[in-house]
């Protein structure tokens, strides 16, 4: 392993079940953790260059902090990762030619066992338009606003997101 790829970003997340987390991320990243201890696991990745650690602490798991993700260099890399993720039944949603964050992108999303959303995307070009649903206070990476949310009702829980094929949701439904 080449460990000279610096600077390297580090992220640490609280998780509810370290064994489920290690099983998911070992499959998603295609590698085993560099370190595993009781209630702890750490991956050191070269591509993307990232150190990510997980600490089991159910009380500190947080929903809706945003999402994590990484950009791939080519469409071919995106398609390879997408096919691999689909084979593992990880992909709840694909977005092709979307305009998000003022950029045109092709992307797909996966959710870890605690509902943390990962975006894997290919960047086409900057855009002057941003899909309006990304600009609302109620929007998350996988749910858009709905009448239920406007009434203060929950859109969907992380476990609901894992069970659903979010690509099958119509614009009219606007939510999980």
N, C-alpha and C. Protein backbone atom coordinates (compact mmCIF):
# COMPACT_ATOMS: atom_id res chain seq x y z
N UNK A 1 0.84 -1.18 0.00
CA UNK A 1 0.00 0.00 0.00
C UNK A 1 0.88 1.25 0.00
N UNK A 2 0.59 2.18 -0.89
CA UNK A 2 1.29 3.45 -0.94
C UNK A 2 0.67 4.38 0.10
N UNK A 3 1.44 4.76 1.10
CA UNK A 3 0.91 5.65 2.14
C UNK A 3 1.50 7.04 2.04
N UNK A 4 2.05 7.38 0.87
CA UNK A 4 2.65 8.69 0.68
C UNK A 4 1.74 9.67 -0.05
N UNK A 5 0.46 9.38 -0.14
CA UNK A 5 -0.48 10.24 -0.84
C UNK A 5 -1.04 11.27 0.15
N UNK A 6 -0.30 12.35 0.36
CA UNK A 6 -0.68 13.37 1.34
C UNK A 6 -0.87 14.71 0.65
N UNK A 7 -1.69 15.62 1.14
CA UNK A 7 -2.51 15.43 2.34
C UNK A 7 -3.63 14.43 2.07
N UNK A 8 -4.06 13.81 3.14
CA UNK A 8 -5.12 12.82 3.07
C UNK A 8 -6.23 13.24 4.03
N UNK A 9 -7.46 13.21 3.56
CA UNK A 9 -8.59 13.59 4.39
C UNK A 9 -8.90 12.49 5.38
N UNK A 10 -9.35 12.88 6.58
CA UNK A 10 -9.77 11.93 7.60
C UNK A 10 -11.20 12.24 8.04
N UNK A 11 -12.02 11.21 8.16
CA UNK A 11 -13.39 11.32 8.63
C UNK A 11 -13.58 10.25 9.69
N UNK A 12 -14.30 10.59 10.75
CA UNK A 12 -14.65 9.61 11.77
C UNK A 12 -16.15 9.69 12.01
N UNK A 13 -16.81 8.53 11.99
CA UNK A 13 -18.25 8.47 12.16
C UNK A 13 -18.63 7.53 13.30
N UNK A 14 -19.66 7.89 14.03
CA UNK A 14 -20.24 6.99 15.03
C UNK A 14 -21.19 6.04 14.31
N UNK A 15 -21.20 4.79 14.73
CA UNK A 15 -22.06 3.78 14.12
C UNK A 15 -22.77 2.98 15.20
N UNK A 16 -23.87 2.35 14.82
CA UNK A 16 -24.63 1.59 15.81
C UNK A 16 -24.18 0.14 15.92
N UNK A 17 -23.56 -0.42 14.87
CA UNK A 17 -23.14 -1.81 14.89
C UNK A 17 -21.84 -1.93 14.10
N UNK A 18 -20.74 -2.10 14.78
CA UNK A 18 -19.43 -2.11 14.12
C UNK A 18 -19.29 -3.29 13.15
N UNK A 19 -19.86 -4.44 13.47
CA UNK A 19 -19.74 -5.60 12.59
C UNK A 19 -20.48 -5.37 11.27
N UNK A 20 -21.70 -4.83 11.32
CA UNK A 20 -22.44 -4.53 10.10
C UNK A 20 -21.72 -3.45 9.30
N UNK A 21 -21.16 -2.49 9.99
CA UNK A 21 -20.43 -1.41 9.34
C UNK A 21 -19.21 -1.94 8.61
N UNK A 22 -18.43 -2.79 9.26
CA UNK A 22 -17.23 -3.37 8.64
C UNK A 22 -17.62 -4.22 7.44
N UNK A 23 -18.67 -4.99 7.57
CA UNK A 23 -19.14 -5.82 6.45
C UNK A 23 -19.52 -4.94 5.25
N UNK A 24 -20.29 -3.88 5.50
CA UNK A 24 -20.70 -2.98 4.42
C UNK A 24 -19.50 -2.29 3.78
N UNK A 25 -18.66 -1.63 4.59
CA UNK A 25 -17.57 -0.84 4.03
C UNK A 25 -16.48 -1.70 3.40
N UNK A 26 -16.24 -2.88 3.91
CA UNK A 26 -15.27 -3.76 3.26
C UNK A 26 -15.74 -4.10 1.85
N UNK A 27 -17.02 -4.30 1.69
CA UNK A 27 -17.58 -4.57 0.37
C UNK A 27 -17.60 -3.31 -0.49
N UNK A 28 -18.08 -2.19 0.06
CA UNK A 28 -18.17 -0.93 -0.68
C UNK A 28 -16.80 -0.44 -1.12
N UNK A 29 -15.81 -0.47 -0.23
CA UNK A 29 -14.47 0.00 -0.56
C UNK A 29 -13.63 -1.05 -1.27
N UNK A 30 -14.03 -2.32 -1.20
CA UNK A 30 -13.27 -3.38 -1.85
C UNK A 30 -11.98 -3.71 -1.14
N UNK A 31 -11.94 -3.45 0.17
CA UNK A 31 -10.74 -3.74 0.95
C UNK A 31 -11.14 -3.94 2.41
N UNK A 32 -10.28 -4.63 3.13
CA UNK A 32 -10.52 -4.85 4.56
C UNK A 32 -9.98 -3.65 5.35
N UNK A 33 -10.46 -3.44 6.56
CA UNK A 33 -9.95 -2.34 7.38
C UNK A 33 -8.47 -2.52 7.70
N UNK A 34 -7.77 -1.40 7.84
CA UNK A 34 -6.36 -1.43 8.22
C UNK A 34 -6.21 -1.74 9.71
N UNK A 35 -7.23 -1.40 10.49
CA UNK A 35 -7.19 -1.64 11.93
C UNK A 35 -8.59 -1.96 12.42
N UNK A 36 -8.70 -2.99 13.26
CA UNK A 36 -9.97 -3.33 13.88
C UNK A 36 -9.70 -3.60 15.35
N UNK A 37 -10.43 -2.92 16.19
CA UNK A 37 -10.37 -3.13 17.65
C UNK A 37 -11.81 -3.30 18.13
N UNK A 38 -11.97 -3.56 19.40
CA UNK A 38 -13.31 -3.66 19.96
C UNK A 38 -14.04 -2.34 19.75
N UNK A 39 -15.16 -2.36 19.02
CA UNK A 39 -15.99 -1.18 18.76
C UNK A 39 -15.30 -0.12 17.90
N UNK A 40 -14.32 -0.51 17.09
CA UNK A 40 -13.58 0.46 16.27
C UNK A 40 -13.06 -0.22 15.00
N UNK A 41 -13.09 0.52 13.89
CA UNK A 41 -12.47 0.06 12.65
C UNK A 41 -11.97 1.28 11.88
N UNK A 42 -10.85 1.10 11.17
CA UNK A 42 -10.29 2.19 10.37
C UNK A 42 -9.84 1.65 9.02
N UNK A 43 -10.21 2.39 7.98
CA UNK A 43 -9.78 2.09 6.62
C UNK A 43 -8.83 3.19 6.17
N UNK A 44 -7.77 2.80 5.49
CA UNK A 44 -6.85 3.75 4.86
C UNK A 44 -6.92 3.48 3.37
N UNK A 45 -7.54 4.40 2.66
CA UNK A 45 -7.79 4.21 1.23
C UNK A 45 -6.83 5.05 0.39
N UNK A 46 -6.43 4.49 -0.72
CA UNK A 46 -5.59 5.23 -1.67
C UNK A 46 -6.43 5.93 -2.73
N UNK A 47 -7.54 5.31 -3.10
CA UNK A 47 -8.38 5.89 -4.14
C UNK A 47 -9.84 5.68 -3.78
N UNK A 48 -10.50 6.66 -3.22
CA UNK A 48 -10.04 8.03 -2.96
C UNK A 48 -9.09 8.06 -1.76
N UNK A 49 -8.25 9.06 -1.73
CA UNK A 49 -7.27 9.20 -0.66
C UNK A 49 -8.00 9.64 0.61
N UNK A 50 -8.22 8.70 1.51
CA UNK A 50 -9.07 8.95 2.66
C UNK A 50 -8.73 8.00 3.80
N UNK A 51 -8.73 8.52 5.00
CA UNK A 51 -8.71 7.70 6.20
C UNK A 51 -10.08 7.87 6.82
N UNK A 52 -10.79 6.78 7.00
CA UNK A 52 -12.11 6.85 7.59
C UNK A 52 -12.19 5.83 8.72
N UNK A 53 -12.61 6.32 9.87
CA UNK A 53 -12.73 5.44 11.03
C UNK A 53 -14.16 5.43 11.53
N UNK A 54 -14.51 4.35 12.21
CA UNK A 54 -15.85 4.15 12.72
C UNK A 54 -15.76 3.75 14.18
N UNK A 55 -16.56 4.41 15.00
CA UNK A 55 -16.58 4.15 16.44
C UNK A 55 -18.01 3.73 16.80
N UNK A 56 -18.15 2.54 17.37
CA UNK A 56 -19.48 2.09 17.75
C UNK A 56 -19.94 2.83 18.99
N UNK A 57 -21.03 3.59 18.82
CA UNK A 57 -21.65 4.33 19.92
C UNK A 57 -23.05 4.71 19.46
N UNK A 58 -24.02 3.85 19.74
CA UNK A 58 -25.39 4.03 19.24
C UNK A 58 -25.98 5.38 19.61
N UNK A 59 -25.67 5.87 20.79
CA UNK A 59 -26.25 7.14 21.25
C UNK A 59 -25.75 8.34 20.46
N UNK A 60 -24.61 8.22 19.81
CA UNK A 60 -24.03 9.36 19.10
C UNK A 60 -24.24 9.32 17.59
N UNK A 61 -24.89 8.28 17.09
CA UNK A 61 -25.19 8.21 15.66
C UNK A 61 -26.14 9.34 15.33
N UNK A 62 -25.82 10.10 14.29
CA UNK A 62 -26.65 11.24 13.91
C UNK A 62 -27.19 11.08 12.51
N UNK A 63 -28.46 11.43 12.33
CA UNK A 63 -29.09 11.41 11.02
C UNK A 63 -28.97 12.78 10.37
N UNK A 64 -29.03 12.78 9.07
CA UNK A 64 -29.17 14.01 8.28
C UNK A 64 -28.06 15.03 8.48
N UNK A 65 -26.84 14.57 8.65
CA UNK A 65 -25.74 15.52 8.74
C UNK A 65 -25.32 16.00 7.35
N UNK A 66 -25.85 15.41 6.32
CA UNK A 66 -25.49 15.71 4.94
C UNK A 66 -25.14 14.40 4.27
N UNK A 67 -24.05 14.36 3.53
CA UNK A 67 -23.62 13.12 2.91
C UNK A 67 -22.13 13.16 2.67
N UNK A 68 -21.58 12.01 2.34
CA UNK A 68 -20.18 11.87 1.97
C UNK A 68 -20.15 11.43 0.51
N UNK A 69 -19.02 11.59 -0.13
CA UNK A 69 -18.94 11.14 -1.51
C UNK A 69 -17.57 11.32 -2.09
N UNK A 70 -17.42 10.82 -3.30
CA UNK A 70 -16.18 11.05 -4.03
C UNK A 70 -16.44 11.10 -5.52
N UNK A 71 -15.60 11.87 -6.18
CA UNK A 71 -15.67 12.06 -7.61
C UNK A 71 -14.72 11.07 -8.28
N UNK A 72 -15.20 10.45 -9.35
CA UNK A 72 -14.32 9.60 -10.15
C UNK A 72 -13.84 10.38 -11.36
N UNK A 73 -12.77 9.91 -11.97
CA UNK A 73 -12.15 10.66 -13.05
C UNK A 73 -12.85 10.49 -14.40
N UNK A 74 -13.41 9.30 -14.65
CA UNK A 74 -14.00 9.04 -15.96
C UNK A 74 -15.40 8.42 -15.82
N UNK A 75 -16.16 8.49 -16.91
CA UNK A 75 -17.47 7.82 -16.94
C UNK A 75 -17.29 6.32 -16.78
N UNK A 76 -16.23 5.79 -17.37
CA UNK A 76 -15.96 4.36 -17.27
C UNK A 76 -15.77 3.94 -15.80
N UNK A 77 -15.05 4.76 -15.03
CA UNK A 77 -14.87 4.45 -13.61
C UNK A 77 -16.20 4.50 -12.87
N UNK A 78 -17.03 5.48 -13.20
CA UNK A 78 -18.35 5.56 -12.58
C UNK A 78 -19.16 4.30 -12.91
N UNK A 79 -19.17 3.91 -14.18
CA UNK A 79 -19.93 2.73 -14.58
C UNK A 79 -19.41 1.46 -13.92
N UNK A 80 -18.08 1.34 -13.78
CA UNK A 80 -17.51 0.16 -13.10
C UNK A 80 -17.96 0.12 -11.64
N UNK A 81 -17.87 1.25 -10.96
CA UNK A 81 -18.28 1.30 -9.55
C UNK A 81 -19.79 1.08 -9.41
N UNK A 82 -20.56 1.63 -10.35
CA UNK A 82 -22.01 1.46 -10.32
C UNK A 82 -22.38 -0.01 -10.50
N UNK A 83 -21.80 -0.67 -11.47
CA UNK A 83 -22.11 -2.09 -11.70
C UNK A 83 -21.72 -2.93 -10.49
N UNK A 84 -20.58 -2.63 -9.89
CA UNK A 84 -20.15 -3.36 -8.69
C UNK A 84 -21.12 -3.14 -7.55
N UNK A 85 -21.53 -1.89 -7.33
CA UNK A 85 -22.47 -1.57 -6.25
C UNK A 85 -23.84 -2.20 -6.52
N UNK A 86 -24.29 -2.21 -7.77
CA UNK A 86 -25.56 -2.85 -8.10
C UNK A 86 -25.50 -4.35 -7.83
N UNK A 87 -24.38 -4.97 -8.16
CA UNK A 87 -24.24 -6.41 -7.92
C UNK A 87 -24.34 -6.74 -6.44
N UNK A 88 -24.00 -5.77 -5.60
CA UNK A 88 -24.07 -5.95 -4.15
C UNK A 88 -25.37 -5.42 -3.56
N UNK A 89 -26.28 -5.01 -4.44
CA UNK A 89 -27.59 -4.45 -4.04
C UNK A 89 -27.44 -3.23 -3.14
N UNK A 90 -26.46 -2.39 -3.43
CA UNK A 90 -26.22 -1.18 -2.64
C UNK A 90 -26.91 0.05 -3.20
N UNK A 91 -27.32 0.05 -4.46
CA UNK A 91 -27.71 1.28 -5.15
C UNK A 91 -29.21 1.55 -5.01
N UNK A 92 -29.58 2.52 -4.16
CA UNK A 92 -30.99 2.88 -4.09
C UNK A 92 -31.41 3.91 -5.14
N UNK A 93 -30.43 4.66 -5.71
CA UNK A 93 -30.81 5.70 -6.66
C UNK A 93 -29.66 6.06 -7.57
N UNK A 94 -30.00 6.30 -8.84
CA UNK A 94 -29.06 6.81 -9.83
C UNK A 94 -29.59 8.14 -10.34
N UNK A 95 -28.68 9.04 -10.66
CA UNK A 95 -29.05 10.32 -11.27
C UNK A 95 -28.11 10.55 -12.44
N UNK A 96 -28.65 10.59 -13.63
CA UNK A 96 -27.83 10.80 -14.83
C UNK A 96 -28.16 12.17 -15.39
N UNK A 97 -27.11 12.98 -15.63
CA UNK A 97 -27.30 14.31 -16.20
C UNK A 97 -27.96 15.28 -15.24
N UNK A 98 -27.85 15.05 -13.95
CA UNK A 98 -28.48 15.94 -12.97
C UNK A 98 -27.67 17.22 -12.82
N UNK A 99 -28.35 18.25 -12.40
CA UNK A 99 -27.67 19.52 -12.11
C UNK A 99 -27.79 19.75 -10.61
N UNK A 100 -26.73 19.49 -9.93
CA UNK A 100 -26.67 19.57 -8.47
C UNK A 100 -25.41 20.33 -8.10
N UNK A 101 -25.52 21.19 -7.11
CA UNK A 101 -24.36 21.97 -6.67
C UNK A 101 -23.75 22.77 -7.82
N UNK A 102 -24.63 23.26 -8.70
CA UNK A 102 -24.23 24.06 -9.85
C UNK A 102 -23.22 23.33 -10.74
N UNK A 103 -23.47 22.04 -10.90
CA UNK A 103 -22.63 21.21 -11.77
C UNK A 103 -23.50 20.14 -12.41
N UNK A 104 -23.18 19.83 -13.67
CA UNK A 104 -23.85 18.70 -14.32
C UNK A 104 -23.05 17.45 -13.98
N UNK A 105 -23.77 16.43 -13.48
CA UNK A 105 -23.12 15.23 -12.99
C UNK A 105 -23.93 13.99 -13.33
N UNK A 106 -23.23 12.86 -13.42
CA UNK A 106 -23.85 11.54 -13.38
C UNK A 106 -23.43 10.98 -12.04
N UNK A 107 -24.37 10.33 -11.32
CA UNK A 107 -24.03 9.86 -9.98
C UNK A 107 -24.94 8.73 -9.56
N UNK A 108 -24.50 8.06 -8.51
CA UNK A 108 -25.37 7.12 -7.82
C UNK A 108 -25.11 7.26 -6.33
N UNK A 109 -26.06 6.74 -5.56
CA UNK A 109 -26.03 6.85 -4.10
C UNK A 109 -26.07 5.48 -3.47
N UNK A 110 -25.39 5.32 -2.34
CA UNK A 110 -25.53 4.13 -1.50
C UNK A 110 -25.72 4.61 -0.07
N UNK A 111 -26.30 3.75 0.76
CA UNK A 111 -26.51 4.06 2.17
C UNK A 111 -25.85 2.99 3.02
N UNK A 112 -25.10 3.41 4.04
CA UNK A 112 -24.49 2.43 4.93
C UNK A 112 -25.53 1.92 5.92
N UNK A 113 -25.18 0.99 6.81
CA UNK A 113 -26.17 0.43 7.73
C UNK A 113 -26.85 1.44 8.65
N UNK A 114 -26.23 2.59 8.90
CA UNK A 114 -26.85 3.62 9.73
C UNK A 114 -27.51 4.71 8.90
N UNK A 115 -27.60 4.53 7.59
CA UNK A 115 -28.26 5.49 6.73
C UNK A 115 -27.36 6.61 6.22
N UNK A 116 -26.06 6.56 6.49
CA UNK A 116 -25.15 7.57 5.96
C UNK A 116 -25.12 7.41 4.44
N UNK A 117 -25.35 8.51 3.77
CA UNK A 117 -25.44 8.51 2.31
C UNK A 117 -24.09 8.81 1.68
N UNK A 118 -23.75 8.00 0.69
CA UNK A 118 -22.53 8.19 -0.09
C UNK A 118 -22.92 8.47 -1.54
N UNK A 119 -22.34 9.51 -2.08
CA UNK A 119 -22.54 9.89 -3.48
C UNK A 119 -21.26 9.55 -4.24
N UNK A 120 -21.38 8.84 -5.33
CA UNK A 120 -20.26 8.56 -6.22
C UNK A 120 -20.62 9.22 -7.54
N UNK A 121 -19.78 10.15 -8.01
CA UNK A 121 -20.20 10.94 -9.17
C UNK A 121 -19.08 11.21 -10.16
N UNK A 122 -19.53 11.47 -11.40
CA UNK A 122 -18.66 11.94 -12.47
C UNK A 122 -19.10 13.36 -12.82
N UNK A 123 -18.17 14.29 -12.82
CA UNK A 123 -18.42 15.71 -13.11
C UNK A 123 -18.29 15.95 -14.60
N UNK A 124 -19.36 16.50 -15.21
CA UNK A 124 -19.32 16.85 -16.63
C UNK A 124 -18.83 18.28 -16.82
N UNK A 125 -19.54 19.24 -16.18
CA UNK A 125 -19.23 20.65 -16.38
C UNK A 125 -19.94 21.48 -15.32
N UNK A 126 -19.46 22.69 -15.13
CA UNK A 126 -20.17 23.63 -14.26
C UNK A 126 -21.50 23.97 -14.90
N UNK A 127 -22.46 24.35 -14.06
CA UNK A 127 -23.79 24.71 -14.56
C UNK A 127 -24.27 25.95 -13.83
N UNK A 128 -25.08 26.74 -14.49
CA UNK A 128 -25.66 27.93 -13.88
C UNK A 128 -26.94 27.60 -13.14
N UNK A 129 -27.47 26.40 -13.38
CA UNK A 129 -28.75 25.98 -12.80
C UNK A 129 -28.48 24.95 -11.71
N UNK A 130 -29.19 25.06 -10.61
CA UNK A 130 -29.15 24.07 -9.55
C UNK A 130 -30.57 23.56 -9.35
N UNK A 131 -30.77 22.27 -9.36
CA UNK A 131 -32.10 21.71 -9.16
C UNK A 131 -32.70 22.34 -7.91
N UNK A 132 -33.87 22.97 -8.02
CA UNK A 132 -34.45 23.70 -6.88
C UNK A 132 -34.67 22.85 -5.63
N UNK A 133 -34.88 21.55 -5.78
CA UNK A 133 -35.13 20.75 -4.57
C UNK A 133 -33.91 20.67 -3.68
N UNK A 134 -32.70 20.92 -4.21
CA UNK A 134 -31.51 20.92 -3.38
C UNK A 134 -31.38 22.19 -2.54
N UNK A 135 -32.18 23.20 -2.86
CA UNK A 135 -32.05 24.48 -2.17
C UNK A 135 -33.06 24.67 -1.03
N UNK A 136 -33.94 23.73 -0.82
CA UNK A 136 -34.94 23.88 0.24
C UNK A 136 -34.39 23.38 1.56
N UNK A 137 -34.87 23.94 2.63
CA UNK A 137 -34.40 23.56 3.96
C UNK A 137 -34.72 22.11 4.28
N UNK A 138 -35.78 21.58 3.69
CA UNK A 138 -36.20 20.22 4.00
C UNK A 138 -35.46 19.16 3.19
N UNK A 139 -34.76 19.56 2.14
CA UNK A 139 -34.16 18.58 1.25
C UNK A 139 -32.99 17.87 1.90
N UNK A 140 -32.86 16.59 1.57
CA UNK A 140 -31.66 15.83 1.91
C UNK A 140 -31.15 15.24 0.62
N UNK A 141 -30.07 14.52 0.68
CA UNK A 141 -29.52 13.95 -0.54
C UNK A 141 -30.42 12.90 -1.14
N UNK A 142 -31.30 12.30 -0.36
CA UNK A 142 -32.13 11.25 -0.95
C UNK A 142 -33.62 11.53 -0.88
N UNK A 143 -34.02 12.57 -0.24
CA UNK A 143 -35.45 12.88 -0.16
C UNK A 143 -35.67 14.33 -0.54
N UNK A 144 -36.71 14.58 -1.30
CA UNK A 144 -37.07 15.94 -1.62
C UNK A 144 -38.27 16.33 -0.78
N UNK A 145 -38.57 17.61 -0.69
CA UNK A 145 -39.68 18.04 0.16
C UNK A 145 -41.01 17.43 -0.29
N UNK A 146 -41.88 17.25 0.66
CA UNK A 146 -43.21 16.75 0.35
C UNK A 146 -44.22 17.48 1.21
N UNK A 147 -45.48 17.29 0.91
CA UNK A 147 -46.53 17.88 1.74
C UNK A 147 -46.45 17.33 3.15
N UNK A 148 -46.09 16.06 3.31
CA UNK A 148 -45.97 15.49 4.65
C UNK A 148 -44.89 16.21 5.46
N UNK A 149 -43.77 16.50 4.82
CA UNK A 149 -42.68 17.17 5.54
C UNK A 149 -43.09 18.59 5.91
N UNK A 150 -43.85 19.25 5.04
CA UNK A 150 -44.31 20.60 5.34
C UNK A 150 -45.19 20.61 6.58
N UNK A 151 -45.88 19.50 6.82
CA UNK A 151 -46.74 19.38 8.00
C UNK A 151 -45.95 18.93 9.23
N UNK A 152 -44.64 18.74 9.07
CA UNK A 152 -43.81 18.31 10.19
C UNK A 152 -43.71 16.81 10.33
N UNK A 153 -44.26 16.05 9.38
CA UNK A 153 -44.17 14.61 9.43
C UNK A 153 -42.86 14.15 8.80
N UNK A 154 -42.36 13.03 9.25
CA UNK A 154 -41.09 12.51 8.75
C UNK A 154 -41.22 12.07 7.30
N UNK A 155 -40.18 12.30 6.53
CA UNK A 155 -40.14 11.85 5.14
C UNK A 155 -39.88 10.36 5.11
N UNK A 156 -38.77 9.95 5.63
CA UNK A 156 -38.46 8.53 5.74
C UNK A 156 -37.28 8.37 6.68
N UNK A 157 -37.19 7.23 7.28
CA UNK A 157 -36.11 6.94 8.22
C UNK A 157 -34.96 6.30 7.46
N UNK A 158 -33.75 6.26 8.06
CA UNK A 158 -32.65 5.58 7.38
C UNK A 158 -32.97 4.13 7.02
N UNK A 159 -33.69 3.42 7.88
CA UNK A 159 -34.02 2.04 7.56
C UNK A 159 -35.00 1.97 6.39
N UNK A 160 -35.93 2.95 6.30
CA UNK A 160 -36.83 3.00 5.15
C UNK A 160 -36.04 3.21 3.87
N UNK A 161 -35.05 4.10 3.91
CA UNK A 161 -34.26 4.41 2.73
C UNK A 161 -33.54 3.17 2.22
N UNK A 162 -33.04 2.34 3.15
CA UNK A 162 -32.32 1.14 2.76
C UNK A 162 -33.25 0.14 2.08
N UNK A 163 -34.51 0.11 2.46
CA UNK A 163 -35.46 -0.86 1.94
C UNK A 163 -36.05 -0.44 0.61
N UNK A 164 -36.00 0.84 0.29
CA UNK A 164 -36.70 1.35 -0.88
C UNK A 164 -35.81 1.42 -2.11
N UNK A 165 -36.40 1.27 -3.26
CA UNK A 165 -35.74 1.58 -4.51
C UNK A 165 -36.11 3.02 -4.82
N UNK A 166 -35.28 3.97 -4.40
CA UNK A 166 -35.63 5.38 -4.51
C UNK A 166 -35.75 5.85 -5.95
N UNK A 167 -35.15 5.15 -6.89
CA UNK A 167 -35.28 5.56 -8.30
C UNK A 167 -36.70 5.35 -8.81
N UNK A 168 -37.49 4.54 -8.11
CA UNK A 168 -38.86 4.28 -8.55
C UNK A 168 -39.84 5.35 -8.07
N UNK A 169 -39.38 6.30 -7.29
CA UNK A 169 -40.25 7.34 -6.76
C UNK A 169 -40.47 8.38 -7.84
N UNK A 170 -41.70 8.76 -8.05
CA UNK A 170 -42.02 9.75 -9.09
C UNK A 170 -41.87 11.16 -8.54
N UNK A 171 -41.75 12.11 -9.44
CA UNK A 171 -41.66 13.52 -9.03
C UNK A 171 -42.90 13.94 -8.23
N UNK A 172 -44.04 13.36 -8.57
CA UNK A 172 -45.26 13.70 -7.88
C UNK A 172 -45.21 13.29 -6.43
N UNK A 173 -44.57 12.15 -6.13
CA UNK A 173 -44.48 11.68 -4.75
C UNK A 173 -43.50 12.53 -3.95
N UNK A 174 -42.42 12.97 -4.56
CA UNK A 174 -41.42 13.85 -3.97
C UNK A 174 -40.76 13.34 -2.70
N UNK A 175 -40.97 12.10 -2.34
CA UNK A 175 -40.40 11.65 -1.08
C UNK A 175 -40.37 10.13 -1.02
N UNK A 176 -39.66 9.66 -0.04
CA UNK A 176 -39.59 8.22 0.20
C UNK A 176 -40.95 7.72 0.58
